[in-house]
C-alpha atoms as a PDB file:
ATOM      1  CA  MET A   1     -44.163  28.705  26.182  1.00  0.00           C
ATOM      2  CA  LYS A   2     -40.486  28.340  27.091  1.00  0.00           C
ATOM      3  CA  ARG A   3     -37.050  28.812  25.103  1.00  0.00           C
ATOM      4  CA  LYS A   4     -34.797  26.242  25.273  1.00  0.00           C
ATOM      5  CA  LYS A   5     -31.637  26.849  26.342  1.00  0.00           C
ATOM      6  CA  GLN A   6     -28.819  26.487  24.120  1.00  0.00           C
ATOM      7  CA  ILE A   7     -26.163  24.765  24.790  1.00  0.00           C
ATOM      8  CA  ASN A   8     -22.285  26.247  23.891  1.00  0.00           C
ATOM      9  CA  LEU A   9     -20.830  23.751  22.449  1.00  0.00           C
ATOM     10  CA  GLU A  10     -17.014  25.345  23.050  1.00  0.00           C
ATOM     11  CA  GLU A  11     -17.952  25.169  26.722  1.00  0.00           C
ATOM     12  CA  LEU A  12     -18.512  21.378  26.877  1.00  0.00           C
ATOM     13  CA  PRO A  13     -15.716  20.095  29.514  1.00  0.00           C
ATOM     14  CA  PRO A  14     -13.605  17.752  26.967  1.00  0.00           C
ATOM     15  CA  GLU A  15     -14.005  14.297  28.762  1.00  0.00           C
ATOM     16  CA  LEU A  16     -18.195  15.033  27.668  1.00  0.00           C
ATOM     17  CA  THR A  17     -17.125  16.031  24.104  1.00  0.00           C
ATOM     18  CA  SER A  18     -14.973  12.847  23.611  1.00  0.00           C
ATOM     19  CA  SER A  19     -17.333  10.617  24.963  1.00  0.00           C
ATOM     20  CA  ILE A  20     -19.843  11.902  22.379  1.00  0.00           C
ATOM     21  CA  LEU A  21     -16.893  11.949  19.460  1.00  0.00           C
ATOM     22  CA  LEU A  22     -16.650   7.964  20.060  1.00  0.00           C
ATOM     23  CA  ARG A  23     -19.849   7.497  19.559  1.00  0.00           C
ATOM     24  CA  LEU A  24     -19.007   8.915  16.154  1.00  0.00           C
ATOM     25  CA  GLY A  25     -16.688   7.003  13.374  1.00  0.00           C
ATOM     26  CA  ALA A  26     -13.514   7.980  12.603  1.00  0.00           C
ATOM     27  CA  PHE A  27     -14.993   9.097   9.029  1.00  0.00           C
ATOM     28  CA  GLU A  28     -17.427  10.983  10.629  1.00  0.00           C
ATOM     29  CA  ILE A  29     -14.929  12.335  13.087  1.00  0.00           C
ATOM     30  CA  LEU A  30     -12.685  13.873  10.469  1.00  0.00           C
ATOM     31  CA  GLU A  31     -15.197  15.313   7.771  1.00  0.00           C
ATOM     32  CA  THR A  32     -17.252  16.601  10.047  1.00  0.00           C
ATOM     33  CA  ALA A  33     -17.310  16.460  13.425  1.00  0.00           C
ATOM     34  CA  GLN A  34     -14.127  18.546  13.542  1.00  0.00           C
ATOM     35  CA  LYS A  35     -15.105  21.210  11.991  1.00  0.00           C
ATOM     36  CA  VAL A  36     -17.514  22.541  14.688  1.00  0.00           C
ATOM     37  CA  CYS A  37     -15.857  24.069  16.759  1.00  0.00           C
ATOM     38  CA  ARG A  38     -12.259  24.770  18.602  1.00  0.00           C
ATOM     39  CA  SER A  39     -13.023  22.547  21.822  1.00  0.00           C
ATOM     40  CA  TRP A  40     -13.833  19.843  19.192  1.00  0.00           C
ATOM     41  CA  ARG A  41     -11.118  19.796  17.369  1.00  0.00           C
ATOM     42  CA  ARG A  42      -8.539  19.583  19.810  1.00  0.00           C
ATOM     43  CA  VAL A  43     -10.487  16.936  21.216  1.00  0.00           C
ATOM     44  CA  CYS A  44     -10.422  15.259  17.669  1.00  0.00           C
ATOM     45  CA  LYS A  45      -6.515  15.528  17.946  1.00  0.00           C
ATOM     46  CA  ASP A  46      -5.805  13.651  21.103  1.00  0.00           C
ATOM     47  CA  PRO A  47      -4.366  10.079  20.915  1.00  0.00           C
ATOM     48  CA  SER A  48      -6.583   8.453  23.247  1.00  0.00           C
ATOM     49  CA  MET A  49      -9.046   9.051  20.665  1.00  0.00           C
ATOM     50  CA  TRP A  50      -7.889   6.434  18.179  1.00  0.00           C
ATOM     51  CA  ARG A  51      -7.182   3.642  20.249  1.00  0.00           C
ATOM     52  CA  LYS A  52     -10.438   1.898  18.283  1.00  0.00           C
ATOM     53  CA  ILE A  53     -11.008   3.194  14.857  1.00  0.00           C
ATOM     54  CA  ASN A  54     -14.307   1.989  12.914  1.00  0.00           C
ATOM     55  CA  ILE A  55     -14.012   3.106   8.868  1.00  0.00           C
ATOM     56  CA  GLN A  56     -16.919   2.749   7.444  1.00  0.00           C
ATOM     57  CA  ILE A  57     -17.935   4.812   4.120  1.00  0.00           C
ATOM     58  CA  PRO A  58     -22.041   5.427   4.488  1.00  0.00           C
ATOM     59  CA  ARG A  59     -23.454   4.116   1.252  1.00  0.00           C
ATOM     60  CA  ASN A  60     -25.300   6.887   0.536  1.00  0.00           C
ATOM     61  CA  ILE A  61     -21.945  10.036   0.162  1.00  0.00           C
ATOM     62  CA  GLU A  62     -20.693   9.845  -2.959  1.00  0.00           C
ATOM     63  CA  THR A  63     -17.389   8.292  -2.339  1.00  0.00           C
ATOM     64  CA  LEU A  64     -15.277   9.696  -5.356  1.00  0.00           C
ATOM     65  CA  LYS A  65     -15.747  12.578  -3.718  1.00  0.00           C
ATOM     66  CA  TYR A  66     -14.094  11.506  -0.859  1.00  0.00           C
ATOM     67  CA  ASP A  67      -9.607  10.329  -0.884  1.00  0.00           C
ATOM     68  CA  THR A  68     -11.102   7.542   2.126  1.00  0.00           C
ATOM     69  CA  GLU A  69      -7.278   6.260   2.027  1.00  0.00           C
ATOM     70  CA  VAL A  70      -5.871   8.858   3.279  1.00  0.00           C
ATOM     71  CA  ILE A  71      -8.461   9.512   5.290  1.00  0.00           C
ATOM     72  CA  CYS A  72      -7.278   6.237   7.202  1.00  0.00           C
ATOM     73  CA  ARG A  73      -4.093   6.902   7.105  1.00  0.00           C
ATOM     74  CA  ASN A  74      -5.005  10.206   8.779  1.00  0.00           C
ATOM     75  CA  ALA A  75      -6.936   8.513  11.336  1.00  0.00           C
ATOM     76  CA  VAL A  76      -3.575   5.691  11.781  1.00  0.00           C
ATOM     77  CA  ASP A  77      -1.773   8.657  12.557  1.00  0.00           C
ATOM     78  CA  ARG A  78      -3.785  10.591  14.486  1.00  0.00           C
ATOM     79  CA  SER A  79      -3.083   7.417  17.145  1.00  0.00           C
ATOM     80  CA  GLN A  80       0.432   8.372  17.455  1.00  0.00           C
ATOM     81  CA  GLY A  81       1.135   4.569  17.457  1.00  0.00           C
ATOM     82  CA  GLY A  82      -1.664   3.658  20.310  1.00  0.00           C
ATOM     83  CA  LEU A  83      -3.938   1.976  17.774  1.00  0.00           C
ATOM     84  CA  LEU A  84      -5.282  -1.027  19.722  1.00  0.00           C
ATOM     85  CA  GLU A  85      -8.299  -2.002  17.157  1.00  0.00           C
ATOM     86  CA  ILE A  86      -9.217  -1.418  13.338  1.00  0.00           C
ATOM     87  CA  ASP A  87     -11.840  -2.102  11.054  1.00  0.00           C
ATOM     88  CA  ILE A  88     -12.153  -0.253   7.821  1.00  0.00           C
ATOM     89  CA  ASP A  89     -15.434  -1.689   5.589  1.00  0.00           C
ATOM     90  CA  GLY A  90     -15.146  -0.554   1.764  1.00  0.00           C
ATOM     91  CA  PHE A  91     -11.639  -0.536   0.378  1.00  0.00           C
ATOM     92  CA  VAL A  92      -8.233  -1.748   1.247  1.00  0.00           C
ATOM     93  CA  THR A  93      -5.971  -2.004  -0.470  1.00  0.00           C
ATOM     94  CA  GLY A  94      -2.271  -3.537  -0.020  1.00  0.00           C
ATOM     95  CA  SER A  95      -0.394  -0.325   0.391  1.00  0.00           C
ATOM     96  CA  LEU A  96      -3.029   0.979   2.997  1.00  0.00           C
ATOM     97  CA  LEU A  97      -2.403  -2.602   5.043  1.00  0.00           C
ATOM     98  CA  THR A  98       1.234  -2.581   4.510  1.00  0.00           C
ATOM     99  CA  TYR A  99       0.913   2.041   6.164  1.00  0.00           C
ATOM    100  CA  ILE A 100      -1.733   0.614   9.112  1.00  0.00           C
ATOM    101  CA  THR A 101       0.615  -1.947  10.135  1.00  0.00           C
ATOM    102  CA  ASP A 102       3.940  -0.166   9.992  1.00  0.00           C
ATOM    103  CA  ARG A 103       2.791   2.616  12.087  1.00  0.00           C
ATOM    104  CA  SER A 104       0.436  -0.061  14.912  1.00  0.00           C
ATOM    105  CA  SER A 105       2.525  -2.739  16.617  1.00  0.00           C
ATOM    106  CA  TYR A 106       0.490  -2.692  19.638  1.00  0.00           C
ATOM    107  CA  LEU A 107      -2.350  -3.962  16.940  1.00  0.00           C
ATOM    108  CA  ARG A 108      -5.245  -6.434  18.845  1.00  0.00           C
ATOM    109  CA  SER A 109      -7.840  -6.569  16.688  1.00  0.00           C
ATOM    110  CA  LEU A 110      -7.711  -6.032  12.887  1.00  0.00           C
ATOM    111  CA  GLY A 111     -11.253  -6.141  10.518  1.00  0.00           C
ATOM    112  CA  LEU A 112     -10.519  -5.626   6.866  1.00  0.00           C
ATOM    113  CA  GLN A 113     -13.826  -5.632   4.524  1.00  0.00           C
ATOM    114  CA  VAL A 114     -14.735  -5.516   0.535  1.00  0.00           C
ATOM    115  CA  CYS A 115     -10.724  -5.688   0.434  1.00  0.00           C
ATOM    116  CA  TYR A 116      -9.555  -4.737  -3.746  1.00  0.00           C
ATOM    117  CA  PRO A 117      -7.498  -7.908  -4.532  1.00  0.00           C
ATOM    118  CA  MET A 118      -4.340  -8.038  -3.203  1.00  0.00           C
ATOM    119  CA  LYS A 119      -1.016 -10.176  -3.650  1.00  0.00           C
ATOM    120  CA  ARG A 120      -1.083 -13.109  -0.383  1.00  0.00           C
ATOM    121  CA  LYS A 121       2.380 -11.985   1.014  1.00  0.00           C
ATOM    122  CA  VAL A 122       1.325  -8.152   1.656  1.00  0.00           C
ATOM    123  CA  LEU A 123      -1.552  -9.721   3.803  1.00  0.00           C
ATOM    124  CA  VAL A 124       1.362 -12.197   5.748  1.00  0.00           C
ATOM    125  CA  ASN A 125       3.524  -9.429   5.642  1.00  0.00           C
ATOM    126  CA  ALA A 126       0.911  -7.332   7.437  1.00  0.00           C
ATOM    127  CA  VAL A 127       0.144  -9.292  10.169  1.00  0.00           C
ATOM    128  CA  SER A 128       3.691 -10.880  10.628  1.00  0.00           C
ATOM    129  CA  LYS A 129       4.337  -7.226  11.922  1.00  0.00           C
ATOM    130  CA  LEU A 130       2.333  -7.887  14.955  1.00  0.00           C
ATOM    131  CA  PRO A 131       2.948  -9.616  17.569  1.00  0.00           C
ATOM    132  CA  LEU A 132      -0.272  -8.940  20.205  1.00  0.00           C
ATOM    133  CA  LEU A 133      -2.780  -9.073  17.076  1.00  0.00           C
ATOM    134  CA  GLU A 134      -5.546 -11.581  18.705  1.00  0.00           C
ATOM    135  CA  GLU A 135      -8.552 -11.147  16.043  1.00  0.00           C
ATOM    136  CA  LEU A 136      -8.246 -11.408  12.968  1.00  0.00           C
ATOM    137  CA  GLU A 137     -11.273 -10.718   9.763  1.00  0.00           C
ATOM    138  CA  VAL A 138     -10.463 -10.053   6.396  1.00  0.00           C
ATOM    139  CA  SER A 139     -13.113 -10.375   3.577  1.00  0.00           C
ATOM    140  CA  TYR A 140     -11.826 -11.118   0.280  1.00  0.00           C
ATOM    141  CA  SER A 141     -12.063 -12.166  -3.201  1.00  0.00           C
ATOM    142  CA  TRP A 142      -9.178 -13.584  -4.231  1.00  0.00           C
ATOM    143  CA  THR A 143      -8.309 -17.698  -4.268  1.00  0.00           C
ATOM    144  CA  LYS A 144      -6.045 -18.893  -2.115  1.00  0.00           C
ATOM    145  CA  LEU A 145      -5.039 -17.752   0.958  1.00  0.00           C
ATOM    146  CA  ASN A 146      -1.877 -18.658   2.953  1.00  0.00           C
ATOM    147  CA  LEU A 147      -3.557 -19.532   6.266  1.00  0.00           C
ATOM    148  CA  LYS A 148      -0.833 -21.444   7.250  1.00  0.00           C
ATOM    149  CA  ALA A 149       1.820 -18.405   7.396  1.00  0.00           C
ATOM    150  CA  ILE A 150      -1.046 -16.256   9.048  1.00  0.00           C
ATOM    151  CA  GLY A 151      -1.247 -19.029  11.685  1.00  0.00           C
ATOM    152  CA  TYR A 152       2.791 -18.506  12.065  1.00  0.00           C
ATOM    153  CA  SER A 153       3.000 -15.029  12.812  1.00  0.00           C
ATOM    154  CA  CYS A 154       0.577 -14.309  15.234  1.00  0.00           C
ATOM    155  CA  PRO A 155       1.220 -16.727  17.748  1.00  0.00           C
ATOM    156  CA  HIS A 156      -1.478 -14.634  20.175  1.00  0.00           C
ATOM    157  CA  LEU A 157      -4.316 -15.214  16.958  1.00  0.00           C
ATOM    158  CA  LYS A 158      -7.651 -16.578  19.330  1.00  0.00           C
ATOM    159  CA  THR A 159     -10.253 -15.445  16.586  1.00  0.00           C
ATOM    160  CA  LEU A 160      -9.642 -15.299  12.091  1.00  0.00           C
ATOM    161  CA  LYS A 161     -12.817 -15.050  10.827  1.00  0.00           C
ATOM    162  CA  LEU A 162     -12.104 -15.445   6.839  1.00  0.00           C
ATOM    163  CA  ASN A 163     -15.185 -14.384   4.398  1.00  0.00           C
ATOM    164  CA  CYS A 164     -15.005 -15.222   0.926  1.00  0.00           C
ATOM    165  CA  SER A 165     -16.860 -14.327  -1.538  1.00  0.00           C
ATOM    166  CA  SER A 166     -15.667 -16.042  -4.199  1.00  0.00           C
ATOM    167  CA  TYR A 167     -13.587 -19.219  -4.963  1.00  0.00           C
ATOM    168  CA  GLU A 168     -12.863 -21.227  -7.316  1.00  0.00           C
ATOM    169  CA  ARG A 169     -12.484 -24.856  -6.032  1.00  0.00           C
ATOM    170  CA  SER A 170      -9.722 -27.360  -6.809  1.00  0.00           C
ATOM    171  CA  ARG A 171     -10.780 -30.745  -7.587  1.00  0.00           C
ATOM    172  CA  ARG A 172      -7.053 -31.700  -5.562  1.00  0.00           C
ATOM    173  CA  LYS A 173      -7.561 -30.216  -2.350  1.00  0.00           C
ATOM    174  CA  PHE A 174     -10.816 -30.173  -2.207  1.00  0.00           C
ATOM    175  CA  ASP A 175     -14.387 -32.495  -2.149  1.00  0.00           C
ATOM    176  CA  ALA A 176     -17.326 -31.084  -4.471  1.00  0.00           C
ATOM    177  CA  ASP A 177     -18.914 -31.140  -0.977  1.00  0.00           C
ATOM    178  CA  THR A 178     -16.415 -29.774   1.292  1.00  0.00           C
ATOM    179  CA  PRO A 179     -16.417 -25.660   1.486  1.00  0.00           C
ATOM    180  CA  PRO A 180     -12.659 -24.080   1.707  1.00  0.00           C
ATOM    181  CA  PRO A 181     -12.673 -23.335   5.383  1.00  0.00           C
ATOM    182  CA  ALA A 182     -13.108 -26.993   6.738  1.00  0.00           C
ATOM    183  CA  TYR A 183     -10.642 -28.259   4.237  1.00  0.00           C
ATOM    184  CA  TRP A 184      -8.488 -25.311   6.753  1.00  0.00           C
ATOM    185  CA  GLU A 185      -9.443 -26.863   9.466  1.00  0.00           C
ATOM    186  CA  GLN A 186      -8.748 -31.059   8.453  1.00  0.00           C
ATOM    187  CA  THR A 187      -4.789 -29.807   7.573  1.00  0.00           C
ATOM    188  CA  ASN A 188      -4.848 -27.450  10.460  1.00  0.00           C
ATOM    189  CA  LYS A 189      -5.255 -29.734  13.073  1.00  0.00           C
ATOM    190  CA  HIS A 190      -1.765 -28.418  14.992  1.00  0.00           C
ATOM    191  CA  TRP A 191      -2.253 -24.638  14.341  1.00  0.00           C
ATOM    192  CA  LEU A 192      -5.363 -25.292  16.011  1.00  0.00           C
ATOM    193  CA  ARG A 193      -5.004 -26.544  19.330  1.00  0.00           C
ATOM    194  CA  ARG A 194      -1.997 -24.690  20.001  1.00  0.00           C
ATOM    195  CA  HIS A 195      -4.916 -21.577  18.726  1.00  0.00           C
ATOM    196  CA  SER A 196      -7.751 -22.650  20.644  1.00  0.00           C
END
């Protein structure tokens, strides 16, 4: 029986290491992969590895053990201002969103799932710092979102996805059978024409 040849991870070319690591999420890279060996740590520090960041905290781990906001800030810092896409699932705060947008003016895609309650102005102020933003996806639980202000702040916005987990229907604004996104489309046709 032949013995399997062991691969020395230190000897892998940086391009191959990078290709392997890009298949992982930011959480896995920062919490495990960069600790494998020195060459992997070197590749993990390369800003080109952090142009696209996807942070999903695995549901099967004890999240209290990790400071998820610190992990996300670390990933953003490693991009050195070159971040193009970020998708965060599970823990978005107003201060984290402000931190990201203050350091990522080239951002083209922003996905925020399961946001903690934050002031509506925080989201509008954040996207107003992103002149190149083309895609915005927000899962939110607060009742009102200033879509008009978001639309004016993002002249290149092509895709806007809203996932509302709860909202209050106001008899003055919504028909009982008309969900808020349909109402928004009816009242903001000019913005939609400009961005379609």
